[in-house]
Amino acid sequence: MDSSPPEVVDADTRPEQPEPEPERRALPPGLAATLVFLASGAVLVLETASLRLVGPYVGVTLQVTSSVIGVALAAIAYGAWIGGWLADRRDPRALLAPALVLAGITTALTLPIVRYAGEVLRGGAAVGILLLTALAIFLPAALLSSITPMVVKLQLADLRRTGQVVGRLSSIGTLGAITATLGTGFVLVAALPSSAIIISLAVLLGLTGLGLGVWLHRRAGSNLPRPSRATAALAVLGLAGASFSAVAPTPCDVETAYHCASVEADPVNSTGRLLVLNSAWHSYVDLNDPAHLEFAYTQWLGAVADVVAPAGRAVDAVHLGGGGFTMPRYLTATRPGTRNEVYEIDGELVELGRRELDVRLGPELRARVGDARMLIGERPRGSADLVIGDAFGHLVVPWHLATREMAAEVRRIVRPGGIYAQNVIDHPPLRFIRAEVATVAAEFPHVALIAPPAAIAGEQGANFVIVASDRTLPLEVLRQQLATSADEPVTLLSGAALDEFVDDAMVLTDEYAPVDQLLATA
């Protein structure tokens, strides 16, 4: 048995034990909460604004909205993952400020990137939609999403409070996202153009990052490297990004709450004006001749109006969608005393029409700003001779205006013998127009379809006009009117031929109306 005395170890020679991370490494709770709130909210501001940025090039469809949300969620996931990985390998205090400044720079660069790339990727192809939304969102959103795990790492000084710290910061981040979503949707988009929102966000992030870097360096002293050269270089890049944003081409004359709108002069007709919404031709008006109908589908609608009432006889007309107010101006010019009521969701579009398209509101033309589905419910039963459906979100009829329930509302307000004429755009394989004809026919016993022959044959995309009534349609009279008023050959489909065209297409309802999927070409 070893009875030797225990070895005495001098205190100065004992192996050095790891010390717990000092409390000073943590950020003040208020600052930590502010950074998480700002970073999470900025992602949602960017997401909402980006939907408006890409809209003029790829439309505002369900696929575009899904792509924006999906890319933003992917950026959040990868940003949080990478931010946590870096926080375990580097002092997060040295990473926070550069991440914010870089997020500001990439946010500023979103404008020129989207506007230059959008011209190349213009259209509704799935690959182009995903690529453009990724260019708009992914990098700045990923950088912003890396902030939260870095802040969490700094605040975990006491493992006994891990759940409390993580839960609190997660809650604050969620509140930031909610605040940004509501604030952007209800306030910012209505008050500022998308470019102003993006630039303001970029400046806010950049200044926050610079201020945080200076504060952290002063607080940590020599524990953190001086940020002056790096931040100066980043600031120069940020200014360059902002300058590119200023000179980047923009497709908008006016950015409304719903559209990127512009009015273009017709190079052939000095008084002709073309209304362009999200880079799509929407309406054509002649300032000196309101009876002029340029687009083929408006000529067809004019022929339908002639069937409802001969020229010179006033009618009561309801228009679902205003746009350039082509048809209300036409009816007022050809049928004095006509009472037009227009339901237009975009109030700024109404003002644009008054300023540049000679829209004159008064007893014969009343514009109500709001959703047509809501407003039509306020219209008395049997109060309209003619209802014209011409509401679009980009090139797509809003799904809730394409259902059987909506058709029932239209039938409710149409007088006996009145007509519902609905403009629809579709492309081969023509699944949506078939479904929409079936949907209208589920409520109206008499239905016909006007379209170019090649479109009926499924050879090209085109406008289609559905004509419906509760009484027998005067088809021969309508054919004669179409032959007289239409500049190009047109087919009027009815009876057995229309049934064969529709085949077994579904009836769209409020319960199930996959409009965007039916319009997909692949």
Protein backbone atom coordinates (compact mmCIF):
# COMPACT_ATOMS: atom_id res chain seq x y z
CA MET A 1 0.00 0.00 0.00
CA ASP A 2 1.40 3.33 -1.04
CA SER A 3 1.54 5.60 1.99
CA SER A 4 3.32 8.48 0.32
CA PRO A 5 1.78 11.87 0.94
CA PRO A 6 -0.39 13.41 -1.81
CA GLU A 7 1.40 15.49 -4.32
CA VAL A 8 1.15 19.18 -3.64
CA VAL A 9 0.61 21.22 -6.76
CA ASP A 10 1.50 24.84 -6.72
CA ALA A 11 -1.42 27.01 -7.71
CA ASP A 12 0.65 28.78 -10.33
CA THR A 13 1.53 25.50 -12.08
CA ARG A 14 -1.96 23.97 -12.26
CA PRO A 15 -3.32 23.30 -15.78
CA GLU A 16 -5.37 26.25 -16.99
CA GLN A 17 -9.10 25.49 -16.84
CA PRO A 18 -11.46 26.86 -19.53
CA GLU A 19 -13.44 29.78 -18.25
CA PRO A 20 -17.07 30.40 -19.11
CA GLU A 21 -17.68 32.95 -21.81
CA PRO A 22 -17.84 36.34 -20.13
CA GLU A 23 -21.21 38.03 -19.88
CA ARG A 24 -19.85 41.01 -21.79
CA ARG A 25 -20.02 38.98 -25.00
CA ALA A 26 -23.80 39.22 -24.91
CA LEU A 27 -25.62 42.09 -26.59
CA PRO A 28 -27.93 44.30 -24.54
CA PRO A 29 -31.39 42.64 -24.62
CA GLY A 30 -32.96 45.65 -26.29
CA LEU A 31 -30.36 45.73 -29.06
CA ALA A 32 -30.62 41.98 -29.62
CA ALA A 33 -34.40 42.24 -29.92
CA THR A 34 -34.13 45.20 -32.31
CA LEU A 35 -31.72 43.40 -34.63
CA VAL A 36 -33.87 40.27 -34.81
CA PHE A 37 -37.04 42.32 -35.31
CA LEU A 38 -35.42 44.40 -38.06
CA ALA A 39 -33.83 41.48 -39.90
CA SER A 40 -36.99 39.34 -39.86
CA GLY A 41 -39.19 42.26 -40.88
CA ALA A 42 -36.85 43.30 -43.68
CA VAL A 43 -37.17 39.85 -45.27
CA LEU A 44 -40.95 40.23 -45.46
CA VAL A 45 -40.74 43.80 -46.80
CA LEU A 46 -38.39 42.53 -49.49
CA GLU A 47 -40.67 39.59 -50.27
CA THR A 48 -43.78 41.76 -50.68
CA ALA A 49 -42.01 44.44 -52.72
CA SER A 50 -40.31 41.84 -54.93
CA LEU A 51 -43.67 40.49 -56.04
CA ARG A 52 -44.38 43.93 -57.47
CA LEU A 53 -40.92 44.23 -59.01
CA VAL A 54 -41.15 40.98 -60.98
CA GLY A 55 -44.83 41.43 -61.92
CA PRO A 56 -44.24 43.61 -65.00
CA TYR A 57 -42.05 40.90 -66.52
CA VAL A 58 -43.62 37.56 -65.51
CA GLY A 59 -47.10 38.59 -64.42
CA VAL A 60 -48.89 38.38 -61.09
CA THR A 61 -50.18 34.82 -61.09
CA LEU A 62 -50.41 32.07 -58.53
CA GLN A 63 -47.18 30.59 -59.89
CA VAL A 64 -45.35 33.91 -59.45
CA THR A 65 -46.69 34.39 -55.93
CA SER A 66 -45.77 30.80 -55.04
CA SER A 67 -42.27 31.30 -56.45
CA VAL A 68 -41.72 34.47 -54.40
CA ILE A 69 -42.87 32.77 -51.20
CA GLY A 70 -40.90 29.59 -51.93
CA VAL A 71 -37.66 31.41 -52.77
CA ALA A 72 -38.02 33.60 -49.67
CA LEU A 73 -38.52 30.53 -47.45
CA ALA A 74 -35.51 28.83 -49.04
CA ALA A 75 -33.42 31.95 -48.38
CA ILE A 76 -34.58 32.02 -44.75
CA ALA A 77 -33.70 28.34 -44.31
CA TYR A 78 -30.24 28.54 -45.85
CA GLY A 79 -29.47 31.89 -44.27
CA ALA A 80 -30.33 30.63 -40.79
CA TRP A 81 -28.29 27.47 -41.34
CA ILE A 82 -25.21 29.32 -42.59
CA GLY A 83 -25.55 32.02 -39.93
CA GLY A 84 -25.60 29.40 -37.18
CA TRP A 85 -22.63 27.59 -38.69
CA LEU A 86 -20.59 30.80 -38.85
CA ALA A 87 -21.60 31.81 -35.32
CA ASP A 88 -20.04 28.59 -33.98
CA ARG A 89 -16.73 29.28 -35.73
CA ARG A 90 -16.30 33.05 -35.48
CA ASP A 91 -17.13 35.69 -32.95
CA PRO A 92 -20.65 36.74 -34.03
CA ARG A 93 -19.87 40.32 -32.99
CA ALA A 94 -17.48 40.53 -35.92
CA LEU A 95 -20.11 39.19 -38.34
CA LEU A 96 -23.27 41.11 -37.52
CA ALA A 97 -22.36 44.51 -38.96
CA PRO A 98 -20.93 43.17 -42.26
CA ALA A 99 -24.00 40.95 -42.70
CA LEU A 100 -26.32 43.95 -42.34
CA VAL A 101 -24.26 46.15 -44.66
CA LEU A 102 -24.07 43.39 -47.28
CA ALA A 103 -27.83 42.86 -46.96
CA GLY A 104 -28.31 46.58 -47.63
CA ILE A 105 -26.07 46.46 -50.69
CA THR A 106 -27.73 43.37 -52.19
CA THR A 107 -31.14 44.90 -51.49
CA ALA A 108 -30.16 48.05 -53.40
CA LEU A 109 -28.87 45.92 -56.27
CA THR A 110 -32.24 44.13 -56.47
CA LEU A 111 -33.69 46.95 -58.59
CA PRO A 112 -31.16 46.98 -61.45
CA ILE A 113 -30.84 43.18 -61.38
CA VAL A 114 -34.59 42.62 -61.73
CA ARG A 115 -35.06 45.35 -64.32
CA TYR A 116 -32.23 44.25 -66.58
CA ALA A 117 -32.80 40.52 -66.11
CA GLY A 118 -36.56 40.97 -66.40
CA GLU A 119 -36.22 42.13 -69.99
CA VAL A 120 -34.39 38.90 -70.80
CA LEU A 121 -36.69 36.61 -68.81
CA ARG A 122 -39.93 38.34 -69.81
CA GLY A 123 -42.88 35.96 -70.08
CA GLY A 124 -44.54 33.38 -67.88
CA ALA A 125 -42.24 30.37 -68.30
CA ALA A 126 -41.70 28.50 -65.03
CA VAL A 127 -37.89 28.58 -65.26
CA GLY A 128 -37.89 32.32 -65.94
CA ILE A 129 -40.24 32.98 -63.02
CA LEU A 130 -38.10 31.00 -60.58
CA LEU A 131 -34.85 32.54 -61.82
CA LEU A 132 -36.12 36.12 -61.68
CA THR A 133 -37.59 35.72 -58.20
CA ALA A 134 -34.36 34.12 -57.01
CA LEU A 135 -32.35 37.04 -58.37
CA ALA A 136 -34.69 39.43 -56.60
CA ILE A 137 -34.90 37.82 -53.18
CA PHE A 138 -32.49 35.05 -52.35
CA LEU A 139 -29.20 36.73 -51.48
CA PRO A 140 -30.45 39.67 -49.39
CA ALA A 141 -33.02 37.48 -47.62
CA ALA A 142 -30.37 34.85 -46.82
CA LEU A 143 -28.03 37.49 -45.41
CA LEU A 144 -30.82 38.93 -43.27
CA SER A 145 -31.83 35.48 -42.06
CA SER A 146 -28.29 34.83 -40.83
CA ILE A 147 -28.66 37.63 -38.26
CA THR A 148 -30.96 35.78 -35.84
CA PRO A 149 -28.74 32.74 -35.12
CA MET A 150 -25.76 35.06 -34.59
CA VAL A 151 -27.70 37.12 -32.07
CA VAL A 152 -28.99 33.97 -30.36
CA LYS A 153 -25.42 32.68 -30.04
CA LEU A 154 -24.35 35.90 -28.33
CA GLN A 155 -27.25 35.81 -25.87
CA LEU A 156 -26.68 32.21 -24.68
CA ALA A 157 -24.38 33.09 -21.79
CA ASP A 158 -26.38 30.94 -19.35
CA LEU A 159 -27.43 27.49 -20.55
CA ARG A 160 -30.15 27.40 -17.93
CA ARG A 161 -31.93 30.16 -19.86
CA THR A 162 -31.52 28.70 -23.36
CA GLY A 163 -35.21 28.01 -23.89
CA GLN A 164 -36.20 31.45 -22.66
CA VAL A 165 -33.66 33.25 -24.87
CA VAL A 166 -34.44 31.27 -28.02
CA GLY A 167 -38.19 31.48 -27.47
CA ARG A 168 -38.09 35.22 -26.84
CA LEU A 169 -35.98 36.01 -29.89
CA SER A 170 -38.01 33.68 -32.11
CA SER A 171 -41.18 35.41 -30.96
CA ILE A 172 -39.68 38.84 -31.64
CA GLY A 173 -38.59 37.74 -35.12
CA THR A 174 -42.09 36.50 -35.88
CA LEU A 175 -43.59 39.78 -34.64
CA GLY A 176 -41.17 41.66 -36.90
CA ALA A 177 -42.29 39.58 -39.88
CA ILE A 178 -45.97 40.15 -39.08
CA THR A 179 -45.48 43.88 -38.61
CA ALA A 180 -43.58 44.17 -41.88
CA THR A 181 -46.18 42.14 -43.80
CA LEU A 182 -49.10 44.22 -42.60
CA GLY A 183 -47.22 47.50 -42.78
CA THR A 184 -46.03 46.87 -46.32
CA GLY A 185 -49.37 45.60 -47.59
CA PHE A 186 -51.55 48.24 -45.96
CA VAL A 187 -49.27 51.28 -45.80
CA LEU A 188 -46.01 51.21 -47.75
CA VAL A 189 -47.33 49.87 -51.06
CA ALA A 190 -50.13 52.43 -51.03
CA ALA A 191 -47.81 55.29 -50.13
CA LEU A 192 -44.57 54.61 -52.01
CA PRO A 193 -43.37 53.12 -55.31
CA SER A 194 -41.61 49.77 -55.04
CA SER A 195 -38.29 51.39 -55.94
CA ALA A 196 -38.62 53.83 -53.02
CA ILE A 197 -39.45 50.96 -50.66
CA ILE A 198 -36.43 48.95 -51.78
CA ILE A 199 -33.98 51.86 -51.64
CA SER A 200 -35.28 52.98 -48.23
CA LEU A 201 -34.88 49.46 -46.90
CA ALA A 202 -31.35 49.24 -48.32
CA VAL A 203 -30.35 52.54 -46.70
CA LEU A 204 -31.87 51.51 -43.37
CA LEU A 205 -29.97 48.20 -43.36
CA GLY A 206 -26.71 49.82 -44.43
CA LEU A 207 -26.84 52.57 -41.83
CA THR A 208 -27.84 50.11 -39.12
CA GLY A 209 -24.90 47.90 -40.04
CA LEU A 210 -22.42 50.78 -40.02
CA GLY A 211 -23.73 52.11 -36.71
CA LEU A 212 -23.65 48.67 -35.14
CA GLY A 213 -20.09 48.09 -36.33
CA VAL A 214 -18.87 51.33 -34.74
CA TRP A 215 -20.72 50.63 -31.48
CA LEU A 216 -19.44 47.07 -31.19
CA HIS A 217 -15.84 48.12 -31.87
CA ARG A 218 -15.97 50.81 -29.20
CA ARG A 219 -17.53 48.42 -26.69
CA ALA A 220 -15.21 45.52 -27.41
CA GLY A 221 -12.04 47.59 -27.83
CA SER A 222 -9.15 45.57 -29.14
CA ASN A 223 -11.18 42.34 -29.08
CA LEU A 224 -12.62 43.25 -32.47
CA PRO A 225 -10.72 44.48 -35.53
CA ARG A 226 -11.31 48.02 -36.65
CA PRO A 227 -14.05 47.96 -39.32
CA SER A 228 -13.08 51.18 -41.09
CA ARG A 229 -11.55 49.91 -44.34
CA ALA A 230 -13.98 47.04 -44.82
CA THR A 231 -17.01 49.16 -44.09
CA ALA A 232 -15.76 51.96 -46.34
CA ALA A 233 -15.38 49.51 -49.21
CA LEU A 234 -18.83 48.11 -48.55
CA ALA A 235 -20.28 51.61 -48.41
CA VAL A 236 -18.78 52.40 -51.83
CA LEU A 237 -20.33 49.24 -53.24
CA GLY A 238 -23.64 50.24 -51.69
CA LEU A 239 -23.55 53.66 -53.32
CA ALA A 240 -22.72 52.02 -56.63
CA GLY A 241 -25.71 49.74 -56.21
CA ALA A 242 -27.96 52.69 -55.46
CA SER A 243 -26.68 54.56 -58.53
CA PHE A 244 -27.38 51.53 -60.73
CA SER A 245 -30.88 51.48 -59.27
CA ALA A 246 -31.39 55.11 -60.22
CA VAL A 247 -30.54 54.55 -63.89
CA ALA A 248 -32.09 51.10 -64.28
CA PRO A 249 -34.91 51.06 -66.84
CA THR A 250 -38.42 51.04 -65.38
CA PRO A 251 -41.51 49.87 -67.25
CA CYS A 252 -43.84 52.07 -65.19
CA ASP A 253 -45.10 55.59 -65.68
CA VAL A 254 -47.30 55.12 -62.65
CA GLU A 255 -47.05 52.41 -60.02
CA THR A 256 -50.44 51.83 -58.45
CA ALA A 257 -51.32 49.53 -55.58
CA TYR A 258 -52.03 46.76 -58.13
CA HIS A 259 -50.29 47.57 -61.39
CA CYS A 260 -47.22 48.90 -63.09
CA ALA A 261 -49.05 51.21 -65.49
CA SER A 262 -48.03 53.30 -68.47
CA VAL A 263 -49.85 55.12 -71.25
CA GLU A 264 -48.23 55.03 -74.67
CA ALA A 265 -49.08 57.14 -77.70
CA ASP A 266 -49.98 55.31 -80.91
CA PRO A 267 -47.26 56.16 -83.47
CA VAL A 268 -49.81 55.76 -86.27
CA ASN A 269 -52.73 57.63 -84.71
CA SER A 270 -51.80 60.84 -82.91
CA THR A 271 -54.89 60.69 -80.69
CA GLY A 272 -54.64 56.97 -79.95
CA ARG A 273 -53.51 55.88 -76.49
CA LEU A 274 -52.51 52.43 -75.30
CA LEU A 275 -52.82 51.52 -71.64
CA VAL A 276 -50.14 49.03 -70.61
CA LEU A 277 -50.49 47.19 -67.29
CA ASN A 278 -47.58 45.06 -66.09
CA SER A 279 -46.12 45.22 -69.61
CA ALA A 280 -49.29 43.75 -71.17
CA TRP A 281 -51.48 45.66 -73.62
CA HIS A 282 -54.69 46.25 -71.74
CA SER A 283 -56.80 48.95 -73.40
CA TYR A 284 -56.79 51.22 -76.42
CA VAL A 285 -58.70 54.49 -76.61
CA ASP A 286 -58.92 57.25 -79.18
CA LEU A 287 -59.09 60.56 -77.36
CA ASN A 288 -60.99 62.20 -80.25
CA ASP A 289 -63.24 59.28 -81.13
CA PRO A 290 -64.68 57.31 -78.17
CA ALA A 291 -66.64 55.14 -80.62
CA HIS A 292 -63.41 53.74 -82.06
CA LEU A 293 -62.73 50.14 -81.03
CA GLU A 294 -59.18 49.06 -81.86
CA PHE A 295 -58.81 45.62 -80.30
CA ALA A 296 -60.72 42.72 -81.81
CA TYR A 297 -62.41 41.66 -78.58
CA THR A 298 -63.76 45.19 -78.04
CA GLN A 299 -65.24 45.06 -81.55
CA TRP A 300 -66.97 41.83 -80.57
CA LEU A 301 -68.28 43.46 -77.40
CA GLY A 302 -69.55 46.34 -79.54
CA ALA A 303 -71.45 43.82 -81.68
CA VAL A 304 -72.98 42.31 -78.54
CA ALA A 305 -74.07 45.80 -77.45
CA ASP A 306 -75.79 46.22 -80.83
CA VAL A 307 -77.75 43.04 -80.12
CA VAL A 308 -78.78 44.26 -76.67
CA ALA A 309 -79.98 47.60 -78.01
CA PRO A 310 -79.60 49.41 -81.33
CA ALA A 311 -77.34 52.44 -81.49
CA GLY A 312 -78.99 55.48 -80.02
CA ARG A 313 -80.99 53.62 -77.37
CA ALA A 314 -79.72 54.02 -73.82
CA VAL A 315 -79.01 50.97 -71.69
CA ASP A 316 -78.04 50.20 -68.12
CA ALA A 317 -74.56 48.66 -68.23
CA VAL A 318 -72.33 47.21 -65.53
CA HIS A 319 -68.60 46.77 -66.20
CA LEU A 320 -66.56 44.34 -64.13
CA GLY A 321 -63.16 45.99 -64.46
CA GLY A 322 -62.45 49.45 -65.83
CA GLY A 323 -58.93 49.49 -67.26
CA GLY A 324 -58.86 52.19 -69.91
CA PHE A 325 -62.70 52.58 -69.82
CA THR A 326 -62.90 51.74 -73.54
CA MET A 327 -66.35 50.14 -73.45
CA PRO A 328 -68.01 52.65 -71.09
CA ARG A 329 -66.80 55.50 -73.35
CA TYR A 330 -68.07 53.60 -76.40
CA LEU A 331 -71.53 53.00 -74.96
CA THR A 332 -71.84 56.62 -73.83
CA ALA A 333 -70.84 57.87 -77.30
CA THR A 334 -73.10 55.53 -79.27
CA ARG A 335 -76.03 55.45 -76.85
CA PRO A 336 -76.45 58.84 -75.14
CA GLY A 337 -78.12 58.55 -71.78
CA THR A 338 -76.59 55.15 -71.06
CA ARG A 339 -75.88 54.61 -67.38
CA ASN A 340 -72.51 52.90 -66.97
CA GLU A 341 -71.42 51.61 -63.59
CA VAL A 342 -67.79 50.48 -63.50
CA TYR A 343 -66.31 48.32 -60.74
CA GLU A 344 -62.55 48.88 -60.66
CA ILE A 345 -60.42 47.65 -57.78
CA ASP A 346 -57.55 50.05 -58.55
CA GLY A 347 -58.53 53.61 -57.66
CA GLU A 348 -55.28 55.03 -59.03
CA LEU A 349 -56.13 53.49 -62.41
CA VAL A 350 -59.37 55.47 -62.40
CA GLU A 351 -57.37 58.65 -61.74
CA LEU A 352 -54.92 57.75 -64.50
CA GLY A 353 -57.87 57.38 -66.88
CA ARG A 354 -59.18 60.80 -65.90
CA ARG A 355 -55.77 62.43 -66.43
CA GLU A 356 -54.66 60.80 -69.66
CA LEU A 357 -57.49 58.81 -71.27
CA ASP A 358 -60.32 61.35 -71.33
CA VAL A 359 -62.43 59.44 -68.79
CA ARG A 360 -65.22 61.78 -67.70
CA LEU A 361 -67.11 60.66 -64.63
CA GLY A 362 -70.68 61.83 -64.18
CA PRO A 363 -74.28 60.63 -64.36
CA GLU A 364 -73.55 58.51 -67.44
CA LEU A 365 -70.30 57.05 -66.09
CA ARG A 366 -69.98 56.12 -62.46
CA ALA A 367 -66.81 54.42 -61.21
CA ARG A 368 -66.89 52.53 -57.93
CA VAL A 369 -63.52 51.55 -56.47
CA GLY A 370 -63.54 48.09 -54.97
CA ASP A 371 -63.65 44.37 -55.70
CA ALA A 372 -66.26 43.54 -58.34
CA ARG A 373 -67.36 40.41 -56.47
CA MET A 374 -68.22 42.53 -53.44
CA LEU A 375 -69.77 45.45 -55.31
CA ILE A 376 -72.02 43.41 -57.58
CA GLY A 377 -73.75 42.03 -54.51
CA GLU A 378 -74.97 45.56 -53.74
CA ARG A 379 -76.61 45.98 -57.14
CA PRO A 380 -80.41 45.50 -57.18
CA ARG A 381 -81.91 42.44 -58.87
CA GLY A 382 -82.79 42.89 -62.54
CA SER A 383 -81.12 46.29 -62.84
CA ALA A 384 -78.80 45.82 -65.86
CA ASP A 385 -79.34 45.27 -69.58
CA LEU A 386 -75.69 44.45 -70.23
CA VAL A 387 -72.91 43.19 -67.96
CA ILE A 388 -69.37 43.17 -69.40
CA GLY A 389 -66.75 41.11 -67.59
CA ASP A 390 -63.30 42.47 -68.40
CA ALA A 391 -61.37 42.17 -65.12
CA PHE A 392 -57.85 40.79 -65.20
CA GLY A 393 -54.87 40.34 -62.93
CA HIS A 394 -52.16 40.59 -65.57
CA LEU A 395 -53.59 38.21 -68.23
CA VAL A 396 -55.63 36.10 -65.85
CA VAL A 397 -59.27 36.48 -64.82
CA PRO A 398 -59.23 36.62 -60.99
CA TRP A 399 -60.43 33.21 -59.85
CA HIS A 400 -63.24 34.52 -57.66
CA LEU A 401 -64.73 36.29 -60.69
CA ALA A 402 -64.70 33.08 -62.72
CA THR A 403 -66.84 30.81 -60.54
CA ARG A 404 -70.43 29.60 -60.78
CA GLU A 405 -71.31 31.69 -57.74
CA MET A 406 -70.09 34.82 -59.52
CA ALA A 407 -72.09 33.87 -62.63
CA ALA A 408 -75.15 33.49 -60.42
CA GLU A 409 -74.62 37.01 -59.09
CA VAL A 410 -74.41 38.33 -62.65
CA ARG A 411 -77.59 36.51 -63.64
CA ARG A 412 -79.34 37.99 -60.60
CA ILE A 413 -78.75 41.57 -61.76
CA VAL A 414 -79.38 41.01 -65.50
CA ARG A 415 -82.89 41.85 -66.67
CA PRO A 416 -84.86 39.23 -68.62
CA GLY A 417 -83.42 39.17 -72.10
CA GLY A 418 -80.27 41.01 -71.01
CA ILE A 419 -76.78 39.74 -71.83
CA TYR A 420 -73.62 38.89 -69.94
CA ALA A 421 -70.48 39.21 -72.10
CA GLN A 422 -67.25 38.01 -70.51
CA ASN A 423 -63.78 38.53 -71.96
CA VAL A 424 -61.34 35.66 -71.31
CA ILE A 425 -57.75 35.08 -72.46
CA ASP A 426 -56.49 31.53 -72.92
CA HIS A 427 -53.84 29.55 -74.78
CA PRO A 428 -53.69 25.96 -76.03
CA PRO A 429 -54.72 23.49 -74.71
CA LEU A 430 -57.63 25.85 -73.87
CA ARG A 431 -58.52 24.24 -70.56
CA PHE A 432 -59.60 27.46 -68.86
CA ILE A 433 -61.93 28.79 -71.55
CA ARG A 434 -63.65 25.40 -71.77
CA ALA A 435 -64.12 25.37 -68.01
CA GLU A 436 -65.35 28.97 -67.96
CA VAL A 437 -67.92 28.32 -70.69
CA ALA A 438 -69.14 25.30 -68.72
CA THR A 439 -69.28 27.47 -65.59
CA VAL A 440 -71.34 30.25 -67.20
CA ALA A 441 -73.60 27.66 -68.87
CA ALA A 442 -74.34 26.18 -65.45
CA GLU A 443 -76.21 29.42 -64.61
CA PHE A 444 -77.33 30.78 -67.99
CA PRO A 445 -79.42 28.49 -70.24
CA HIS A 446 -78.30 30.15 -73.47
CA VAL A 447 -74.57 30.56 -74.16
CA ALA A 448 -72.40 31.28 -77.21
CA LEU A 449 -68.68 31.85 -77.73
CA ILE A 450 -66.89 34.38 -79.96
CA ALA A 451 -63.24 33.77 -80.94
CA PRO A 452 -60.87 33.65 -83.94
CA PRO A 453 -61.17 30.37 -85.90
CA ALA A 454 -57.55 29.43 -85.20
CA ALA A 455 -58.11 29.88 -81.46
CA ILE A 456 -61.23 27.68 -81.51
CA ALA A 457 -59.14 25.04 -83.29
CA GLY A 458 -56.55 25.20 -80.51
CA GLU A 459 -53.82 26.55 -82.77
CA GLN A 460 -53.14 29.85 -80.97
CA GLY A 461 -53.86 31.84 -77.86
CA ALA A 462 -56.40 34.63 -78.09
CA ASN A 463 -59.21 36.57 -76.48
CA PHE A 464 -62.53 34.77 -76.20
CA VAL A 465 -65.87 36.43 -75.43
CA ILE A 466 -68.57 34.35 -73.75
CA VAL A 467 -72.10 35.59 -74.46
CA ALA A 468 -74.87 34.42 -72.11
CA SER A 469 -78.53 35.17 -71.50
CA ASP A 470 -81.62 33.71 -69.86
CA ARG A 471 -83.45 34.04 -73.19
CA THR A 472 -82.66 32.66 -76.63
CA LEU A 473 -79.76 34.57 -78.15
CA PRO A 474 -80.34 36.23 -81.55
CA LEU A 475 -77.40 34.37 -83.06
CA GLU A 476 -77.99 35.29 -86.69
CA VAL A 477 -78.25 38.96 -85.84
CA LEU A 478 -75.06 38.68 -83.79
CA ARG A 479 -73.26 36.96 -86.69
CA GLN A 480 -74.24 39.79 -88.99
CA GLN A 481 -73.06 42.39 -86.49
CA LEU A 482 -69.73 40.57 -86.07
CA ALA A 483 -69.26 40.39 -89.84
CA THR A 484 -69.84 44.14 -90.05
CA SER A 485 -67.85 45.36 -87.04
CA ALA A 486 -64.94 42.89 -86.75
CA ASP A 487 -61.80 43.63 -88.75
CA GLU A 488 -60.70 39.98 -88.77
CA PRO A 489 -62.51 36.65 -89.34
CA VAL A 490 -64.34 35.46 -86.25
CA THR A 491 -66.32 32.38 -85.28
CA LEU A 492 -69.55 32.35 -83.28
CA LEU A 493 -69.86 28.95 -81.62
CA SER A 494 -73.16 27.73 -80.17
CA GLY A 495 -75.37 24.67 -79.76
CA ALA A 496 -73.91 21.25 -80.41
CA ALA A 497 -70.64 22.72 -81.72
CA LEU A 498 -70.14 24.59 -78.45
CA ASP A 499 -71.00 21.48 -76.44
CA GLU A 500 -68.35 19.56 -78.39
CA PHE A 501 -65.81 22.32 -77.74
CA VAL A 502 -66.53 22.34 -73.99
CA ASP A 503 -66.64 18.53 -73.78
CA ASP A 504 -66.42 17.40 -70.14
CA ALA A 505 -64.74 20.52 -68.75
CA MET A 506 -65.21 21.18 -65.06
CA VAL A 507 -67.52 23.79 -63.60
CA LEU A 508 -65.52 26.21 -61.47
CA THR A 509 -66.87 26.97 -58.01
CA ASP A 510 -65.81 28.98 -54.98
CA GLU A 511 -64.84 25.64 -53.47
CA TYR A 512 -62.57 24.64 -56.37
CA ALA A 513 -61.38 27.03 -59.08
CA PRO A 514 -57.77 26.21 -60.15
CA VAL A 515 -57.66 29.02 -62.70
CA ASP A 516 -53.88 29.43 -62.79
CA GLN A 517 -53.33 25.70 -63.20
CA LEU A 518 -55.86 25.50 -66.03
CA LEU A 519 -54.06 28.34 -67.79
CA ALA A 520 -50.67 26.64 -67.53
CA THR A 521 -49.47 25.54 -70.97
CA ALA A 522 -47.50 22.55 -69.72
